[in-house]
Protein backbone atom coordinates (compact mmCIF):
# COMPACT_ATOMS: atom_id res chain seq x y z
CA MET A 1 0.05 0.22 0.09
CA THR A 2 1.17 3.77 -0.99
CA SER A 3 -1.05 5.21 1.59
CA ALA A 4 0.07 5.73 5.58
CA PRO A 5 -2.49 6.68 8.35
CA ALA A 6 -1.11 10.51 9.88
CA ARG A 7 0.78 10.50 12.78
CA ARG A 8 1.52 12.49 16.11
CA LEU A 9 -1.88 14.10 16.22
CA PRO A 10 -1.90 15.58 19.12
CA ALA A 11 0.94 17.84 17.37
CA LEU A 12 -2.88 19.04 15.73
CA ILE A 13 -3.23 21.45 19.00
CA LEU A 14 -0.37 23.12 18.60
CA VAL A 15 -1.32 23.76 14.78
CA THR A 16 -4.10 24.78 15.08
CA GLY A 17 -4.30 26.76 18.37
CA ALA A 18 -1.85 29.65 16.03
CA LEU A 19 -4.48 29.52 12.83
CA ALA A 20 -6.15 32.21 14.96
CA ALA A 21 -3.27 34.10 14.85
CA CYS A 22 -2.42 33.14 11.18
CA ALA A 23 -5.39 34.25 10.61
CA ALA A 24 -5.79 37.49 12.12
CA ARG A 25 -2.48 38.47 10.41
CA SER A 26 -3.53 37.37 7.15
CA THR A 27 -6.89 39.18 6.69
CA ALA A 28 -5.36 42.57 6.77
CA LEU A 29 -3.66 41.34 3.54
CA SER A 30 -4.72 41.28 0.20
CA PRO A 31 -4.58 37.35 -1.13
CA ALA A 32 -1.13 36.62 -0.91
CA GLY A 33 0.78 36.34 -4.03
CA PRO A 34 0.10 35.21 -7.83
CA ALA A 35 0.92 32.13 -6.45
CA ALA A 36 -2.34 31.98 -4.32
CA SER A 37 -5.13 33.89 -6.45
CA PRO A 38 -7.56 32.13 -7.91
CA ALA A 39 -7.75 34.64 -11.08
CA ALA A 40 -3.66 34.48 -11.46
CA ALA A 41 -4.26 31.06 -11.60
CA GLY A 42 -6.39 30.79 -14.49
CA LEU A 43 -9.24 29.07 -12.15
CA ALA A 44 -11.48 31.79 -12.27
CA ALA A 45 -13.16 34.70 -13.84
CA GLY A 46 -13.70 38.00 -12.01
CA ALA A 47 -12.15 39.31 -8.09
CA PRO A 48 -12.18 36.60 -5.50
CA THR A 49 -14.93 36.34 -3.74
CA ALA A 50 -15.65 37.37 0.22
CA ALA A 51 -15.50 33.61 0.55
CA ALA A 52 -12.03 32.89 -1.55
CA ARG A 53 -9.92 35.84 0.37
CA ALA A 54 -11.37 34.30 3.70
CA THR A 55 -10.43 30.92 2.43
CA THR A 56 -6.73 32.87 1.40
CA ALA A 57 -6.14 33.98 4.42
CA ALA A 58 -6.76 31.42 6.89
CA LEU A 59 -4.44 28.77 4.18
CA GLN A 60 -1.82 30.95 2.90
CA PRO A 61 -0.05 30.88 6.56
CA ILE A 62 -0.05 26.97 7.06
CA PHE A 63 0.77 26.03 2.90
CA THR A 64 3.63 28.00 2.88
CA PRO A 65 5.65 28.26 6.19
CA PRO A 66 9.48 29.36 6.39
CA ASP A 67 10.38 25.69 7.69
CA LEU A 68 8.60 24.14 4.13
CA SER A 69 10.12 27.03 1.55
CA HIS A 70 12.45 24.49 -0.07
CA ALA A 71 9.27 21.74 -0.79
CA HIS A 72 7.23 21.50 -3.52
CA ILE A 73 3.42 21.61 -2.32
CA ALA A 74 0.59 22.17 -4.50
CA VAL A 75 -3.05 22.70 -3.44
CA LEU A 76 -6.81 23.31 -4.64
CA VAL A 77 -10.16 24.01 -2.85
CA ARG A 78 -13.00 24.56 -4.37
CA SER A 79 -16.76 25.00 -3.84
CA LEU A 80 -18.88 22.47 -4.78
CA ALA A 81 -22.05 24.32 -4.40
CA THR A 82 -20.55 27.84 -7.22
CA GLY A 83 -17.65 26.06 -8.72
CA ASP A 84 -15.80 29.03 -7.64
CA THR A 85 -12.30 28.75 -6.65
CA LEU A 86 -12.00 29.57 -2.59
CA TYR A 87 -7.93 29.02 -2.83
CA ALA A 88 -5.00 28.44 -5.05
CA LEU A 89 -1.32 27.74 -4.29
CA ASN A 90 0.59 25.90 -7.54
CA PRO A 91 -2.72 24.36 -8.34
CA GLN A 92 -1.64 23.43 -11.88
CA HIS A 93 2.04 21.58 -10.67
CA LEU A 94 2.32 18.41 -11.90
CA LEU A 95 3.40 16.21 -8.34
CA VAL A 96 4.13 12.39 -7.48
CA PRO A 97 0.61 11.58 -6.14
CA ALA A 98 1.01 8.36 -4.20
CA SER A 99 -2.22 6.57 -4.16
CA ASN A 100 -4.03 9.45 -5.45
CA GLN A 101 -3.83 8.21 -8.04
CA LYS A 102 -6.48 5.52 -6.88
CA VAL A 103 -8.97 8.17 -7.22
CA LEU A 104 -8.46 8.51 -11.06
CA THR A 105 -8.39 4.90 -11.57
CA THR A 106 -11.02 3.83 -9.35
CA ALA A 107 -13.63 7.04 -10.74
CA ALA A 108 -12.54 6.12 -14.23
CA ALA A 109 -13.71 2.49 -13.61
CA ALA A 110 -17.05 3.32 -11.75
CA ARG A 111 -17.86 5.52 -14.86
CA ARG A 112 -17.48 3.04 -17.62
CA LEU A 113 -17.53 -0.38 -15.72
CA GLY A 114 -20.53 0.29 -13.54
CA TRP A 115 -20.79 -0.64 -10.15
CA ASP A 116 -21.98 -4.39 -10.65
CA PHE A 117 -19.90 -5.14 -13.34
CA GLN A 118 -17.84 -8.47 -11.72
CA LEU A 119 -14.94 -10.51 -13.22
CA THR A 120 -15.29 -14.08 -13.68
CA THR A 121 -13.21 -17.11 -13.13
CA THR A 122 -14.13 -20.32 -14.99
CA ILE A 123 -12.99 -23.68 -14.44
CA ARG A 124 -13.01 -26.27 -18.11
CA ALA A 125 -12.35 -29.25 -17.98
CA LEU A 126 -10.26 -31.38 -21.44
CA GLY A 127 -11.41 -34.38 -22.18
CA ARG A 128 -13.38 -37.30 -21.36
CA VAL A 129 -15.14 -38.83 -17.77
CA ASP A 130 -16.11 -42.26 -17.55
CA ALA A 131 -18.34 -44.41 -15.92
CA ARG A 132 -16.01 -44.43 -12.67
CA GLY A 133 -15.85 -40.72 -12.65
CA VAL A 134 -12.27 -40.26 -13.88
CA LEU A 135 -11.45 -36.92 -16.17
CA ASP A 136 -9.39 -38.51 -18.48
CA GLY A 137 -7.43 -34.88 -18.88
CA ASP A 138 -6.53 -31.91 -17.47
CA LEU A 139 -8.36 -29.03 -15.12
CA VAL A 140 -7.77 -25.58 -16.16
CA ILE A 141 -8.72 -22.86 -14.15
CA SER A 142 -8.83 -19.64 -16.67
CA GLY A 143 -9.09 -16.22 -14.72
CA SER A 144 -9.37 -12.56 -15.48
CA GLY A 145 -7.79 -11.03 -12.77
CA ASP A 146 -10.71 -11.29 -9.28
CA PRO A 147 -8.57 -9.84 -6.62
CA THR A 148 -11.74 -11.35 -4.12
CA ILE A 149 -11.08 -14.38 -3.68
CA SER A 150 -8.79 -13.34 0.23
CA PRO A 151 -9.88 -13.12 3.92
CA ARG A 152 -11.24 -9.69 3.51
CA PHE A 153 -14.11 -11.30 2.16
CA PRO A 154 -14.37 -14.68 4.06
CA GLU A 155 -17.54 -15.99 1.65
CA ARG A 156 -14.84 -15.40 -1.21
CA TRP A 157 -12.07 -16.94 0.92
CA ALA A 158 -14.21 -20.34 0.67
CA VAL A 159 -14.77 -19.84 -2.93
CA ILE A 160 -12.62 -22.92 -3.46
CA ASP A 161 -13.23 -25.56 -1.17
CA ALA A 162 -16.41 -25.09 -3.24
CA TRP A 163 -15.59 -25.14 -6.16
CA ALA A 164 -13.94 -28.34 -4.31
CA GLU A 165 -17.38 -29.52 -3.36
CA ARG A 166 -19.08 -29.28 -6.38
CA ILE A 167 -17.10 -30.89 -9.19
CA ALA A 168 -16.90 -33.81 -6.62
CA ALA A 169 -20.72 -33.57 -6.61
CA ARG A 170 -19.54 -34.71 -10.30
CA GLY A 171 -19.18 -37.52 -9.68
CA ILE A 172 -15.43 -37.40 -10.31
CA THR A 173 -12.90 -39.45 -8.13
CA ARG A 174 -9.59 -39.40 -10.57
CA ILE A 175 -8.14 -36.41 -12.30
CA THR A 176 -5.16 -37.95 -14.84
CA GLY A 177 -3.89 -34.86 -16.07
CA ARG A 178 -2.87 -31.25 -14.47
CA ILE A 179 -4.10 -28.93 -12.97
CA ILE A 180 -3.94 -26.05 -15.09
CA GLY A 181 -3.56 -22.05 -14.02
CA ASP A 182 -5.00 -20.62 -17.29
CA ASP A 183 -3.36 -16.65 -16.98
CA GLY A 184 -3.93 -15.72 -21.19
CA ALA A 185 -6.57 -13.27 -20.18
CA ALA A 186 -4.24 -11.24 -18.54
CA LYS A 187 -0.30 -11.77 -18.04
CA PRO A 188 0.68 -11.13 -13.91
CA GLY A 189 3.29 -7.99 -13.97
CA TRP A 190 4.36 -4.74 -12.35
CA GLY A 191 3.13 -1.54 -12.78
CA SER A 192 5.31 0.67 -15.12
CA GLY A 193 7.58 2.68 -12.98
CA TRP A 194 7.13 0.44 -9.60
CA SER A 195 10.48 0.24 -7.27
CA TRP A 196 12.69 -2.76 -7.41
CA ASP A 197 12.85 -2.65 -3.66
CA ASP A 198 9.07 -3.02 -3.60
CA LEU A 199 8.47 -5.83 -5.77
CA THR A 200 9.34 -8.41 -2.98
CA GLU A 201 7.27 -6.45 -0.37
CA ASP A 202 3.32 -7.71 -0.33
CA TYR A 203 2.30 -4.40 -1.54
CA GLY A 204 4.18 -4.49 -4.73
CA SER A 205 2.48 -8.16 -5.88
CA GLN A 206 2.06 -8.32 -9.08
CA VAL A 207 -1.47 -8.89 -10.53
CA GLY A 208 -2.66 -10.72 -12.97
CA ALA A 209 -5.71 -13.24 -14.45
CA LEU A 210 -5.44 -15.38 -11.10
CA GLN A 211 -4.76 -13.75 -7.55
CA LEU A 212 -4.96 -15.36 -4.60
CA ASN A 213 -4.63 -13.93 -0.92
CA GLU A 214 -3.99 -10.55 -2.43
CA ASN A 215 -1.05 -12.03 -4.33
CA GLU A 216 0.45 -12.40 -0.68
CA LEU A 217 1.84 -14.52 1.34
CA HIS A 218 1.66 -14.02 4.93
CA LEU A 219 4.22 -15.86 7.19
CA ASN A 220 2.74 -16.95 10.77
CA VAL A 221 5.57 -17.11 13.35
CA THR A 222 5.24 -18.94 16.90
CA PRO A 223 8.02 -19.11 19.41
CA ALA A 224 9.38 -22.46 20.56
CA ALA A 225 8.47 -23.27 24.57
CA GLN A 226 12.59 -22.95 24.83
CA ALA A 227 14.93 -20.22 23.56
CA GLY A 228 17.35 -21.68 21.26
CA LEU A 229 14.90 -24.42 19.45
CA ALA A 230 13.54 -23.34 16.26
CA ALA A 231 10.43 -20.92 15.65
CA THR A 232 7.37 -22.47 13.78
CA VAL A 233 6.54 -21.07 10.43
CA THR A 234 3.11 -21.59 8.97
CA ALA A 235 2.28 -20.11 5.67
CA VAL A 236 -0.55 -18.54 4.16
CA PRO A 237 -1.91 -19.50 1.51
CA GLU A 238 -0.39 -23.00 2.47
CA GLN A 239 -0.07 -24.15 -1.66
CA HIS A 240 2.30 -20.88 -2.52
CA ALA A 241 4.74 -22.35 -4.61
CA LEU A 242 7.73 -20.57 -3.33
CA THR A 243 10.75 -22.88 -1.72
CA LEU A 244 11.22 -21.08 2.07
CA VAL A 245 13.94 -21.70 4.24
CA ALA A 246 13.05 -20.94 8.05
CA ARG A 247 15.78 -19.87 9.71
CA VAL A 248 13.90 -18.21 12.99
CA THR A 249 15.23 -19.14 16.37
CA THR A 250 13.35 -18.46 19.70
CA GLY A 251 14.91 -15.73 21.85
CA GLU A 252 14.93 -15.71 25.89
CA ALA A 253 11.89 -14.13 27.52
CA GLY A 254 12.39 -10.44 27.26
CA SER A 255 14.64 -9.79 24.53
CA ALA A 256 13.87 -8.17 20.96
CA THR A 257 12.13 -10.03 18.59
CA ARG A 258 13.58 -9.39 14.93
CA LEU A 259 12.37 -10.46 11.31
CA GLY A 260 12.78 -10.38 7.84
CA VAL A 261 12.74 -12.26 4.15
CA GLU A 262 14.57 -11.96 1.55
CA ARG A 263 13.51 -12.85 -2.39
CA ALA A 264 15.35 -11.03 -4.74
CA PRO A 265 13.15 -10.42 -7.86
CA GLY A 266 12.23 -12.96 -10.37
CA ARG A 267 13.04 -15.93 -7.81
CA ASP A 268 11.15 -18.53 -6.28
CA VAL A 269 13.48 -18.76 -3.11
CA LEU A 270 12.42 -17.07 -0.12
CA THR A 271 14.27 -16.78 2.82
CA LEU A 272 13.17 -16.08 6.45
CA SER A 273 15.50 -15.15 8.90
CA GLY A 274 15.63 -13.40 12.89
CA THR A 275 15.06 -14.42 16.00
CA ILE A 276 11.34 -14.30 18.45
CA ALA A 277 11.13 -13.89 21.93
CA ARG A 278 9.95 -17.07 23.81
CA ASP A 279 6.83 -14.31 25.87
CA ALA A 280 6.68 -12.75 22.02
CA ARG A 281 3.31 -13.31 20.79
CA PRO A 282 2.87 -15.03 17.31
CA ARG A 283 3.96 -12.58 14.32
CA MET A 284 3.13 -12.27 10.74
CA VAL A 285 5.30 -11.58 8.66
CA ARG A 286 3.67 -9.98 5.05
CA THR A 287 6.05 -10.31 1.38
CA SER A 288 4.32 -11.26 -1.97
CA LEU A 289 3.81 -14.32 -4.26
CA ALA A 290 6.63 -15.14 -7.16
CA ASN A 291 4.23 -17.21 -9.26
CA PRO A 292 0.38 -16.20 -8.63
CA THR A 293 -1.05 -18.07 -11.51
CA ARG A 294 0.90 -21.51 -10.08
CA ALA A 295 -0.17 -20.57 -6.62
CA PHE A 296 -3.02 -20.58 -7.47
CA ALA A 297 -3.41 -24.28 -8.98
CA ALA A 298 -1.89 -25.42 -6.31
CA THR A 299 -4.69 -24.37 -3.77
CA VAL A 300 -7.09 -25.98 -6.02
CA ARG A 301 -5.39 -28.71 -6.52
CA ALA A 302 -4.92 -28.66 -2.69
CA ALA A 303 -8.98 -28.65 -2.47
CA LEU A 304 -9.32 -31.49 -4.79
CA VAL A 305 -7.40 -33.96 -3.02
CA ARG A 306 -8.59 -32.95 0.74
CA ARG A 307 -12.44 -33.24 -1.21
CA GLY A 308 -11.37 -37.12 -1.94
CA ILE A 309 -10.41 -36.35 -5.41
CA PHE A 310 -7.20 -38.12 -6.89
CA ILE A 311 -5.01 -36.43 -8.89
CA ASP A 312 -1.83 -37.92 -10.47
CA GLY A 313 -0.37 -34.20 -12.38
CA ALA A 314 1.33 -31.57 -10.36
CA ALA A 315 -0.19 -27.94 -10.52
CA LEU A 316 1.15 -25.80 -13.46
CA ASP A 317 1.52 -22.43 -14.93
CA ILE A 318 -0.24 -22.70 -18.57
CA ASP A 319 3.29 -20.87 -19.21
CA ASP A 320 5.44 -24.12 -18.09
CA LEU A 321 3.62 -26.26 -20.56
CA PRO A 322 5.84 -27.06 -23.61
CA ALA A 323 2.80 -26.16 -26.35
CA THR A 324 0.23 -23.83 -26.42
CA LEU A 325 -3.14 -26.02 -25.24
CA ASP A 326 -6.13 -26.12 -27.04
CA LEU A 327 -9.07 -25.21 -25.19
CA SER A 328 -12.02 -25.01 -27.88
CA GLN A 329 -13.36 -28.09 -27.14
CA ALA A 330 -13.05 -28.05 -23.12
CA GLU A 331 -16.62 -28.48 -21.05
CA THR A 332 -17.11 -25.51 -18.43
CA TRP A 333 -17.42 -27.08 -14.75
CA ILE A 334 -18.10 -24.33 -13.09
CA THR A 335 -18.39 -20.14 -13.81
CA ASP A 336 -17.89 -17.80 -10.50
CA GLN A 337 -18.34 -14.34 -10.33
CA SER A 338 -16.09 -12.03 -7.88
CA LEU A 339 -17.77 -9.59 -6.24
CA PRO A 340 -18.96 -6.45 -7.67
CA LEU A 341 -17.12 -2.93 -8.48
CA ARG A 342 -19.40 -1.27 -5.81
CA THR A 343 -17.72 -4.12 -3.07
CA MET A 344 -14.05 -4.37 -4.67
CA ILE A 345 -13.86 -0.58 -4.93
CA ASP A 346 -13.98 -0.62 -0.69
CA PRO A 347 -10.39 -1.57 -0.37
CA VAL A 348 -8.87 0.47 -2.85
CA LEU A 349 -10.22 3.50 -1.26
CA ARG A 350 -10.41 2.84 2.94
CA HIS A 351 -7.18 0.13 2.47
CA SER A 352 -4.99 1.46 -0.41
CA MET A 353 -4.31 -1.57 -1.52
CA ASN A 354 -2.75 -1.16 -4.64
CA GLY A 355 -3.01 -4.70 -6.26
CA TYR A 356 -6.88 -4.10 -6.44
CA ALA A 357 -6.25 -0.76 -7.95
CA GLU A 358 -4.55 -2.53 -10.04
CA SER A 359 -6.70 -5.04 -11.17
CA LEU A 360 -9.26 -2.27 -12.27
CA LEU A 361 -7.07 -0.58 -14.27
CA TRP A 362 -6.70 -3.57 -16.31
CA ALA A 363 -10.45 -4.53 -16.20
CA LEU A 364 -10.78 -1.55 -18.36
CA SER A 365 -8.57 -3.13 -21.06
CA PRO A 366 -11.28 -3.69 -24.45
CA PRO A 367 -12.52 -6.78 -24.70
CA GLY A 368 -11.11 -9.55 -27.61
CA ALA A 369 -7.57 -9.12 -26.13
CA PRO A 370 -5.88 -9.64 -22.94
CA ALA A 371 -6.24 -7.14 -20.63
CA SER A 372 -3.08 -4.72 -19.78
CA GLU A 373 -1.83 -1.61 -18.17
CA ALA A 374 -1.27 -0.17 -21.60
CA ALA A 375 -4.63 -0.95 -22.66
CA GLY A 376 -6.29 -0.08 -19.09
CA LEU A 377 -4.45 3.36 -19.06
CA THR A 378 -5.88 4.37 -22.89
CA VAL A 379 -9.51 4.12 -21.70
CA LEU A 380 -8.46 5.67 -18.41
CA ARG A 381 -7.69 8.69 -20.12
CA GLN A 382 -11.06 8.71 -22.17
CA ALA A 383 -13.04 7.92 -19.10
CA LEU A 384 -11.30 11.16 -17.30
CA THR A 385 -11.79 13.33 -20.16
CA GLU A 386 -15.42 12.69 -20.60
CA MET A 387 -16.01 13.56 -17.06
CA GLY A 388 -14.78 16.73 -17.49
CA VAL A 389 -11.10 15.84 -15.77
CA ASP A 390 -7.86 18.35 -18.21
CA PRO A 391 -5.37 15.57 -20.09
CA ALA A 392 -2.95 18.57 -19.70
CA GLY A 393 -3.82 17.51 -15.66
CA TYR A 394 -1.78 14.37 -15.09
CA ARG A 395 0.07 11.88 -16.73
CA ALA A 396 -0.96 8.07 -15.29
CA PHE A 397 1.60 4.86 -15.76
CA ASP A 398 0.05 2.55 -13.20
CA GLY A 399 -3.79 2.47 -11.45
CA SER A 400 -2.36 2.28 -7.99
CA GLY A 401 0.48 5.32 -7.42
CA LEU A 402 3.29 3.07 -6.19
CA SER A 403 4.67 4.13 -9.71
CA ARG A 404 7.14 7.13 -9.59
CA TYR A 405 6.65 8.41 -13.20
CA ASN A 406 2.69 9.39 -12.77
CA MET A 407 2.14 12.85 -12.37
CA LEU A 408 -0.89 14.52 -10.65
CA SER A 409 -1.61 17.55 -10.58
CA PRO A 410 -4.51 19.15 -7.85
CA LEU A 411 -6.41 20.33 -11.10
CA ALA A 412 -6.89 16.38 -12.38
CA LEU A 413 -7.75 15.90 -8.64
CA VAL A 414 -10.75 18.38 -7.89
CA GLN A 415 -11.88 17.91 -11.64
CA THR A 416 -12.37 14.40 -11.03
CA LEU A 417 -13.83 14.60 -8.10
CA THR A 418 -16.29 17.16 -8.80
CA ALA A 419 -17.88 14.82 -11.86
CA VAL A 420 -18.31 12.38 -9.47
CA TRP A 421 -20.24 14.63 -7.18
CA ASN A 422 -22.25 15.36 -9.81
CA ASP A 423 -23.35 12.53 -11.06
CA PRO A 424 -26.47 10.99 -8.94
CA VAL A 425 -25.17 7.11 -10.10
CA LEU A 426 -21.41 7.40 -8.26
CA ARG A 427 -21.34 9.96 -5.73
CA ASP A 428 -23.04 7.92 -2.93
CA PRO A 429 -21.03 4.70 -3.70
CA TYR A 430 -17.54 5.89 -4.39
CA MET A 431 -18.09 8.42 -0.68
CA ALA A 432 -19.16 5.17 1.18
CA ALA A 433 -16.10 4.08 0.38
CA LEU A 434 -13.43 7.25 0.98
CA PRO A 435 -12.03 6.92 4.09
CA HIS A 436 -14.05 8.89 7.17
CA PRO A 437 -12.94 9.69 10.74
CA GLY A 438 -13.40 7.21 13.08
CA LYS A 439 -14.13 4.57 10.38
CA PRO A 440 -11.90 0.86 9.82
CA GLY A 441 -9.35 2.99 7.20
CA SER A 442 -6.40 5.49 6.40
CA PHE A 443 -8.96 7.98 8.39
CA GLU A 444 -9.68 5.61 11.15
CA ARG A 445 -7.57 7.91 14.06
CA ARG A 446 -7.77 10.57 12.15
CA PHE A 447 -9.36 13.89 12.49
CA VAL A 448 -11.25 12.28 15.76
CA GLY A 449 -12.16 15.00 18.21
CA THR A 450 -11.72 17.83 16.08
CA PRO A 451 -14.19 19.96 13.81
CA ALA A 452 -13.72 17.25 10.99
CA ALA A 453 -14.89 14.66 12.23
CA GLY A 454 -17.94 13.20 10.34
CA ARG A 455 -17.14 15.85 7.98
CA VAL A 456 -14.48 15.19 5.76
CA TRP A 457 -13.91 11.98 3.40
CA ALA A 458 -10.60 11.99 1.70
CA LYS A 459 -8.04 9.40 0.05
CA THR A 460 -4.97 9.47 1.51
CA GLY A 461 -1.10 9.19 -0.07
CA SER A 462 2.01 8.35 1.12
CA MET A 463 5.68 7.13 -0.15
CA PHE A 464 9.02 8.57 0.42
CA ASN A 465 8.90 12.50 0.77
CA ILE A 466 5.69 12.11 -0.82
CA ARG A 467 1.54 13.15 0.64
CA THR A 468 -1.10 13.65 -0.35
CA LEU A 469 -5.11 14.25 0.58
CA SER A 470 -8.17 14.55 -1.84
CA GLY A 471 -11.33 14.34 -1.84
CA PHE A 472 -14.93 16.19 -0.29
CA ILE A 473 -15.58 18.75 3.18
CA THR A 474 -19.12 19.20 4.67
CA PRO A 475 -18.71 22.21 6.68
CA GLN A 476 -20.63 22.77 9.64
CA ALA A 477 -21.77 25.92 7.91
CA GLY A 478 -21.31 26.91 4.10
CA GLU A 479 -21.53 24.54 0.73
CA PRO A 480 -20.01 21.91 0.30
CA LEU A 481 -16.19 21.98 -0.71
CA VAL A 482 -13.72 19.42 -2.76
CA PHE A 483 -10.34 20.12 -2.45
CA SER A 484 -6.81 18.26 -3.47
CA MET A 485 -3.54 19.45 -1.43
CA MET A 486 -0.17 17.78 -2.08
CA ALA A 487 2.99 17.70 -0.95
CA ASN A 488 6.28 16.18 -2.42
CA GLN A 489 10.78 16.52 -1.76
CA TYR A 490 10.46 17.74 1.88
CA THR A 491 12.76 17.09 3.88
CA THR A 492 10.92 17.42 7.34
CA PRO A 493 9.59 14.54 8.50
CA THR A 494 5.95 13.20 7.43
CA SER A 495 4.14 13.88 10.57
CA ARG A 496 4.99 17.50 10.14
CA ILE A 497 2.82 17.86 6.19
CA ASP A 498 0.37 15.92 8.15
CA GLU A 499 0.35 18.65 10.61
CA MET A 500 0.14 21.04 7.95
CA MET A 501 -3.15 19.24 6.06
CA ASN A 502 -4.82 18.43 8.87
CA ALA A 503 -5.02 21.79 10.27
CA ALA A 504 -6.56 23.42 6.75
CA VAL A 505 -8.72 20.01 6.91
CA ILE A 506 -9.69 21.90 9.93
CA TRP A 507 -10.48 25.08 9.17
CA LEU A 508 -12.43 24.27 6.23
CA ALA A 509 -14.38 21.91 7.95
CA GLY A 510 -15.96 24.60 9.75
CA ALA A 511 -14.66 25.61 13.42
CA SER A 512 -17.08 27.77 14.77
CA GLU A 513 -15.23 31.18 14.00
CA ARG A 514 -15.11 30.46 10.11
CA ALA A 515 -19.06 31.15 9.50
CA SER A 516 -18.07 34.28 11.16
CA ILE A 517 -14.93 34.80 8.68
CA THR A 518 -16.43 33.46 5.40
CA THR A 519 -19.73 35.58 6.09
CA PRO A 520 -19.87 38.00 2.67
CA GLN A 521 -19.36 41.53 3.70
């Protein structure tokens, strides 16, 4: 994931406590500088409104403090009722968005695919079944990118065992061939511009036609009863298609627990090493699967065996075969549907899951050819243009924001969110999936106990020296707002950037004094 919740919220009190003094000094001045002027930015005609002048006077000191003069900061705040720009600071500057890229991906997917869109997985038999229930041939599982077969959705996590039950119910007792994972509809891969050291992390997992456990490997480490003995390591999924080398020892009670994994990108040998204290709770280490297709096929094979079906052949990735399979005569045994887009969007926005975002991008690909990042990006650009988003305001290279190639402006983000807000089909499901204070997700602890609690819905974004926040605010007084705040290339702690953005959101959310400040005079 490229996003993370803000930390060190107590520091908000220090920032917000200084706002009244900052605003008092600023309101006596004209809106600060051409960069902060909506008219100078070419975003509004005529003189700034009273609300815009008041908002600029309050926000300009927050976003242009001396200690952040080195940072690249860009901000845009607009009224959703009138379309007026209330504050603009470098609104057309292109910055690296991190997970705010997901705003573009999910909006385009919702518009083009619809909330009821589902991804399909089929299981087909390649061969004849005799009277004894023996399939003389292979079983082929073909996917289209469903990311929902995961413990995140218990009903979906149980679906592979349900498939095995259905196959056994057909009277199948044995399969003489192999269990083959067919990923031809979307070959596994990573996003363009992903850093090499992300590729073995859980948030850097590949996406593709067959996805299992969000293409992550979870290693559960339990200490032994005595120091010096090897710890117990169990894996989910158990059929992970990796060579696991476990070198974890049990340390003395109260000792430090240190665990780490090593796997070179493209290799299938994973080494888990370190120590875990004898009295420590079990720990989970997350990493990525090396070959999701093979792991998926192996998991299906294991489920069939548990159901009492004998299988002669191995579980294989279709790319392991020496020749192309002819599936024209295959019989379809199972057609399975993913959860709908209205459900898939929740992990993307609320929990910032990269794999789900990439799956939706690839799902945008036109039918008739394998899904791909490039094909999905073409449709994404078309959809955003239909929604009124200026193509000059962004450069998209992936769906999740993990790519360092992405460039995005606050203007493009505000245009996208405005289109969502103004579309009665898109608005409610989209807002329901956005992080919200006090709710599970990246806002669970953010803004709680402040005027913004219950009034802000926004997508976070975070990578090294990158912090972004874009969404909606329904103030205590006045019209609903859409905003985007972006910071790149800062050398201060990220908590300082969070404090800056939090202070602005809290003011916009309408602390009691805001109503009098923004009332036209």
